[in-house]
Amino acid sequence: MLLIVCPYCGERSELEFTNAGEAHIRRPSDPSALSDEAWAAFLFYRSNPKGTHAERWRHTHGCGKFFNALRDTRTDRIVATYKIGQPAPMVETGAPDAATPRMAGRP
């Protein structure tokens, strides 16, 4: 069983959480000015990296709050969790060519 650390409640079972998609997605400042293609890209296209990825999660059966998590898509391991509005923490991505820690996920 996967254990996830809620930044508000602490470590809990994965059964208490719901994945809410990619984190750090910037909303368009003027959605009505977007073309249909640009609007579809904003709504539906997400990155799907092999490695560390920033995701938004919700502690559905706990505090109910949203938070961000850095998850390694190769191993399904949660590397770090942090509150909404905070920057992604510096973590070692675990990539074979990574000699130094670097920012994981989107800025």
N, C-alpha and C. Protein backbone atom coordinates (compact mmCIF):
# COMPACT_ATOMS: atom_id res chain seq x y z
N MET A 1 0.84 -1.18 0.00
CA MET A 1 0.00 0.00 0.00
C MET A 1 0.89 1.24 0.00
N LEU A 2 0.49 2.22 -0.78
CA LEU A 2 1.20 3.48 -0.88
C LEU A 2 0.79 4.38 0.28
N LEU A 3 1.78 4.97 0.95
CA LEU A 3 1.52 5.94 2.01
C LEU A 3 1.82 7.32 1.47
N ILE A 4 0.90 8.24 1.70
CA ILE A 4 1.04 9.61 1.22
C ILE A 4 1.04 10.54 2.43
N VAL A 5 1.96 11.49 2.43
CA VAL A 5 2.03 12.46 3.53
C VAL A 5 1.21 13.69 3.15
N CYS A 6 0.07 13.85 3.83
CA CYS A 6 -0.74 15.06 3.65
C CYS A 6 -0.01 16.17 4.42
N PRO A 7 0.25 17.32 3.79
CA PRO A 7 0.95 18.39 4.50
C PRO A 7 0.15 18.97 5.66
N TYR A 8 -1.12 18.63 5.76
CA TYR A 8 -1.97 19.13 6.83
C TYR A 8 -2.21 18.08 7.92
N CYS A 9 -2.31 16.79 7.54
CA CYS A 9 -2.70 15.73 8.47
C CYS A 9 -1.59 14.72 8.77
N GLY A 10 -0.57 14.67 7.95
CA GLY A 10 0.49 13.68 8.14
C GLY A 10 0.29 12.47 7.24
N GLU A 11 1.01 11.40 7.53
CA GLU A 11 1.03 10.20 6.69
C GLU A 11 -0.27 9.42 6.81
N ARG A 12 -0.82 9.07 5.65
CA ARG A 12 -2.08 8.32 5.59
C ARG A 12 -2.02 7.33 4.43
N SER A 13 -2.97 6.41 4.41
CA SER A 13 -3.09 5.41 3.35
C SER A 13 -3.55 6.07 2.05
N GLU A 14 -3.09 5.54 0.94
CA GLU A 14 -3.48 6.05 -0.38
C GLU A 14 -4.99 6.01 -0.60
N LEU A 15 -5.68 5.15 0.12
CA LEU A 15 -7.13 5.01 -0.04
C LEU A 15 -7.89 6.27 0.37
N GLU A 16 -7.24 7.16 1.13
CA GLU A 16 -7.88 8.39 1.58
C GLU A 16 -7.76 9.53 0.56
N PHE A 17 -7.01 9.32 -0.53
CA PHE A 17 -6.66 10.41 -1.44
C PHE A 17 -7.23 10.21 -2.84
N THR A 18 -7.38 11.33 -3.55
CA THR A 18 -7.79 11.33 -4.94
C THR A 18 -6.81 12.17 -5.74
N ASN A 19 -6.34 11.65 -6.86
CA ASN A 19 -5.45 12.41 -7.74
C ASN A 19 -6.31 13.38 -8.53
N ALA A 20 -5.86 14.63 -8.59
CA ALA A 20 -6.64 15.67 -9.28
C ALA A 20 -5.91 16.22 -10.49
N GLY A 21 -4.94 15.48 -11.02
CA GLY A 21 -4.28 15.88 -12.25
C GLY A 21 -2.99 16.64 -12.04
N GLU A 22 -2.49 17.18 -13.12
CA GLU A 22 -1.20 17.88 -13.12
C GLU A 22 -1.27 19.17 -12.31
N ALA A 23 -0.21 19.47 -11.59
CA ALA A 23 -0.14 20.70 -10.78
C ALA A 23 0.52 21.82 -11.56
N HIS A 24 0.39 23.03 -11.06
CA HIS A 24 1.05 24.22 -11.57
C HIS A 24 0.64 24.58 -13.00
N ILE A 25 -0.60 24.34 -13.35
CA ILE A 25 -1.10 24.71 -14.67
C ILE A 25 -1.63 26.14 -14.58
N ARG A 26 -1.09 27.01 -15.39
CA ARG A 26 -1.50 28.42 -15.38
C ARG A 26 -2.74 28.60 -16.25
N ARG A 27 -3.72 29.20 -15.67
CA ARG A 27 -4.95 29.48 -16.39
C ARG A 27 -4.73 30.65 -17.36
N PRO A 28 -5.38 30.64 -18.52
CA PRO A 28 -5.26 31.76 -19.45
C PRO A 28 -5.82 33.04 -18.83
N SER A 29 -5.16 34.16 -19.04
CA SER A 29 -5.63 35.42 -18.46
C SER A 29 -6.91 35.90 -19.14
N ASP A 30 -7.07 35.60 -20.43
CA ASP A 30 -8.28 35.98 -21.16
C ASP A 30 -8.78 34.77 -21.97
N PRO A 31 -9.53 33.86 -21.34
CA PRO A 31 -9.97 32.65 -22.03
C PRO A 31 -10.79 32.92 -23.28
N SER A 32 -11.54 34.00 -23.30
CA SER A 32 -12.39 34.28 -24.47
C SER A 32 -11.56 34.65 -25.70
N ALA A 33 -10.29 35.02 -25.51
CA ALA A 33 -9.44 35.38 -26.64
C ALA A 33 -8.75 34.17 -27.26
N LEU A 34 -8.88 33.00 -26.64
CA LEU A 34 -8.22 31.80 -27.17
C LEU A 34 -8.98 31.22 -28.34
N SER A 35 -8.24 30.65 -29.26
CA SER A 35 -8.86 29.92 -30.35
C SER A 35 -9.39 28.59 -29.80
N ASP A 36 -10.21 27.91 -30.57
CA ASP A 36 -10.72 26.61 -30.14
C ASP A 36 -9.58 25.63 -29.91
N GLU A 37 -8.58 25.68 -30.77
CA GLU A 37 -7.44 24.77 -30.64
C GLU A 37 -6.63 25.06 -29.37
N ALA A 38 -6.41 26.35 -29.08
CA ALA A 38 -5.67 26.73 -27.88
C ALA A 38 -6.45 26.38 -26.62
N TRP A 39 -7.77 26.56 -26.65
CA TRP A 39 -8.61 26.22 -25.50
C TRP A 39 -8.61 24.71 -25.28
N ALA A 40 -8.71 23.93 -26.35
CA ALA A 40 -8.65 22.47 -26.22
C ALA A 40 -7.31 22.02 -25.67
N ALA A 41 -6.22 22.66 -26.13
CA ALA A 41 -4.88 22.32 -25.62
C ALA A 41 -4.79 22.60 -24.12
N PHE A 42 -5.35 23.74 -23.68
CA PHE A 42 -5.33 24.07 -22.25
C PHE A 42 -6.14 23.06 -21.45
N LEU A 43 -7.30 22.69 -21.94
CA LEU A 43 -8.18 21.79 -21.19
C LEU A 43 -7.72 20.34 -21.17
N PHE A 44 -7.16 19.86 -22.27
CA PHE A 44 -6.96 18.42 -22.40
C PHE A 44 -5.52 17.94 -22.48
N TYR A 45 -4.59 18.76 -22.94
CA TYR A 45 -3.22 18.29 -23.13
C TYR A 45 -2.40 18.52 -21.87
N ARG A 46 -1.83 17.46 -21.36
CA ARG A 46 -1.00 17.52 -20.17
C ARG A 46 0.31 16.81 -20.45
N SER A 47 1.34 17.22 -19.71
CA SER A 47 2.62 16.53 -19.87
C SER A 47 2.50 15.15 -19.23
N ASN A 48 3.26 14.23 -19.70
CA ASN A 48 3.23 12.86 -19.18
C ASN A 48 4.67 12.37 -19.12
N PRO A 49 5.48 12.98 -18.25
CA PRO A 49 6.90 12.66 -18.26
C PRO A 49 7.22 11.30 -17.64
N LYS A 50 8.33 10.79 -18.03
CA LYS A 50 8.87 9.59 -17.40
C LYS A 50 9.84 10.11 -16.33
N GLY A 51 9.45 10.02 -15.09
CA GLY A 51 10.26 10.55 -14.00
C GLY A 51 9.40 11.36 -13.05
N THR A 52 10.00 12.33 -12.39
CA THR A 52 9.31 13.12 -11.38
C THR A 52 8.34 14.11 -12.02
N HIS A 53 7.13 14.12 -11.49
CA HIS A 53 6.04 14.89 -12.06
C HIS A 53 5.25 15.55 -10.94
N ALA A 54 4.93 16.85 -11.08
CA ALA A 54 4.14 17.56 -10.08
C ALA A 54 2.66 17.32 -10.32
N GLU A 55 1.98 16.84 -9.29
CA GLU A 55 0.55 16.53 -9.40
C GLU A 55 -0.21 17.20 -8.25
N ARG A 56 -1.48 17.44 -8.48
CA ARG A 56 -2.37 17.95 -7.44
C ARG A 56 -3.15 16.76 -6.87
N TRP A 57 -3.22 16.70 -5.56
CA TRP A 57 -3.95 15.63 -4.88
C TRP A 57 -4.94 16.25 -3.90
N ARG A 58 -5.95 15.48 -3.53
CA ARG A 58 -6.92 15.91 -2.51
C ARG A 58 -7.05 14.84 -1.46
N HIS A 59 -7.01 15.25 -0.20
CA HIS A 59 -7.19 14.32 0.92
C HIS A 59 -8.70 14.16 1.12
N THR A 60 -9.32 13.41 0.24
CA THR A 60 -10.77 13.27 0.16
C THR A 60 -11.39 12.76 1.45
N HIS A 61 -10.83 11.71 2.03
CA HIS A 61 -11.40 11.10 3.23
C HIS A 61 -10.62 11.52 4.47
N GLY A 62 -10.19 12.76 4.48
CA GLY A 62 -9.47 13.32 5.62
C GLY A 62 -9.87 14.77 5.75
N CYS A 63 -8.90 15.66 5.65
CA CYS A 63 -9.16 17.10 5.82
C CYS A 63 -9.90 17.71 4.63
N GLY A 64 -9.88 17.03 3.47
CA GLY A 64 -10.57 17.54 2.29
C GLY A 64 -9.79 18.58 1.51
N LYS A 65 -8.57 18.89 1.95
CA LYS A 65 -7.79 19.95 1.30
C LYS A 65 -6.98 19.40 0.12
N PHE A 66 -6.74 20.31 -0.84
CA PHE A 66 -5.86 20.01 -1.96
C PHE A 66 -4.42 20.32 -1.57
N PHE A 67 -3.49 19.59 -2.17
CA PHE A 67 -2.06 19.83 -2.00
C PHE A 67 -1.35 19.31 -3.23
N ASN A 68 -0.08 19.64 -3.36
CA ASN A 68 0.71 19.16 -4.49
C ASN A 68 1.65 18.06 -4.04
N ALA A 69 1.96 17.16 -4.95
CA ALA A 69 2.89 16.07 -4.68
C ALA A 69 3.81 15.89 -5.87
N LEU A 70 5.05 15.58 -5.60
CA LEU A 70 5.99 15.19 -6.65
C LEU A 70 6.02 13.68 -6.64
N ARG A 71 5.61 13.07 -7.76
CA ARG A 71 5.55 11.61 -7.86
C ARG A 71 6.43 11.14 -9.00
N ASP A 72 7.21 10.10 -8.75
CA ASP A 72 8.04 9.50 -9.78
C ASP A 72 7.16 8.53 -10.56
N THR A 73 6.90 8.83 -11.81
CA THR A 73 5.99 8.00 -12.61
C THR A 73 6.58 6.64 -12.95
N ARG A 74 7.90 6.49 -12.81
CA ARG A 74 8.53 5.20 -13.08
C ARG A 74 8.30 4.21 -11.95
N THR A 75 8.27 4.71 -10.71
CA THR A 75 8.17 3.82 -9.54
C THR A 75 6.88 4.01 -8.76
N ASP A 76 6.10 5.04 -9.07
CA ASP A 76 4.88 5.42 -8.37
C ASP A 76 5.18 5.93 -6.95
N ARG A 77 6.42 6.25 -6.67
CA ARG A 77 6.83 6.73 -5.35
C ARG A 77 6.55 8.23 -5.24
N ILE A 78 5.92 8.63 -4.13
CA ILE A 78 5.72 10.05 -3.84
C ILE A 78 7.03 10.56 -3.24
N VAL A 79 7.67 11.50 -3.91
CA VAL A 79 8.97 12.02 -3.50
C VAL A 79 8.82 13.11 -2.45
N ALA A 80 7.81 13.98 -2.61
CA ALA A 80 7.59 15.09 -1.67
C ALA A 80 6.16 15.57 -1.83
N THR A 81 5.62 16.16 -0.77
CA THR A 81 4.32 16.83 -0.82
C THR A 81 4.49 18.24 -0.28
N TYR A 82 3.64 19.15 -0.75
CA TYR A 82 3.72 20.54 -0.30
C TYR A 82 2.38 21.22 -0.53
N LYS A 83 2.13 22.27 0.24
CA LYS A 83 0.85 22.97 0.18
C LYS A 83 0.69 23.75 -1.12
N ILE A 84 -0.55 23.92 -1.53
CA ILE A 84 -0.88 24.73 -2.70
C ILE A 84 -0.33 26.13 -2.47
N GLY A 85 0.27 26.72 -3.49
CA GLY A 85 0.82 28.06 -3.38
C GLY A 85 2.30 28.08 -3.04
N GLN A 86 2.82 26.96 -2.53
CA GLN A 86 4.25 26.88 -2.25
C GLN A 86 4.97 26.38 -3.50
N PRO A 87 6.24 26.78 -3.67
CA PRO A 87 6.99 26.26 -4.82
C PRO A 87 7.34 24.79 -4.61
N ALA A 88 7.55 24.10 -5.71
CA ALA A 88 7.97 22.69 -5.63
C ALA A 88 9.32 22.61 -4.95
N PRO A 89 9.50 21.69 -4.02
CA PRO A 89 10.79 21.57 -3.34
C PRO A 89 11.88 21.04 -4.27
N MET A 90 13.11 21.35 -3.92
CA MET A 90 14.25 20.81 -4.67
C MET A 90 14.41 19.35 -4.25
N VAL A 91 14.42 18.45 -5.23
CA VAL A 91 14.56 17.03 -4.93
C VAL A 91 15.49 16.40 -5.95
N GLU A 92 16.08 15.29 -5.58
CA GLU A 92 16.86 14.50 -6.52
C GLU A 92 15.87 13.72 -7.37
N THR A 93 15.95 13.88 -8.67
CA THR A 93 14.97 13.25 -9.55
C THR A 93 15.22 11.76 -9.74
N GLY A 94 16.41 11.31 -9.48
CA GLY A 94 16.71 9.90 -9.64
C GLY A 94 17.00 9.49 -11.06
N ALA A 95 17.08 10.45 -11.96
CA ALA A 95 17.40 10.14 -13.36
C ALA A 95 18.84 9.66 -13.45
N PRO A 96 19.14 8.71 -14.32
CA PRO A 96 20.49 8.17 -14.41
C PRO A 96 21.55 9.21 -14.71
N ASP A 97 21.18 10.28 -15.42
CA ASP A 97 22.17 11.29 -15.79
C ASP A 97 22.18 12.48 -14.82
N ALA A 98 21.42 12.39 -13.75
CA ALA A 98 21.33 13.50 -12.80
C ALA A 98 22.50 13.45 -11.83
N ALA A 99 23.39 14.42 -11.94
CA ALA A 99 24.55 14.47 -11.06
C ALA A 99 24.25 15.34 -9.83
N THR A 100 23.35 16.29 -9.96
CA THR A 100 23.03 17.17 -8.85
C THR A 100 21.53 17.29 -8.71
N PRO A 101 21.07 17.65 -7.50
CA PRO A 101 19.62 17.84 -7.34
C PRO A 101 19.14 18.99 -8.23
N ARG A 102 17.93 18.88 -8.69
CA ARG A 102 17.35 19.92 -9.53
C ARG A 102 15.87 20.03 -9.25
N MET A 103 15.27 21.06 -9.76
CA MET A 103 13.86 21.28 -9.54
C MET A 103 13.08 20.24 -10.31
N ALA A 104 12.14 19.60 -9.62
CA ALA A 104 11.29 18.64 -10.27
C ALA A 104 9.93 19.28 -10.53
N GLY A 105 9.27 18.92 -11.58
CA GLY A 105 7.97 19.47 -11.90
C GLY A 105 8.12 20.83 -12.58
N ARG A 106 7.01 21.53 -12.68
CA ARG A 106 7.00 22.84 -13.34
C ARG A 106 7.33 23.93 -12.34
N PRO A 107 7.94 25.03 -12.79
CA PRO A 107 8.24 26.15 -11.89
C PRO A 107 6.98 26.82 -11.39
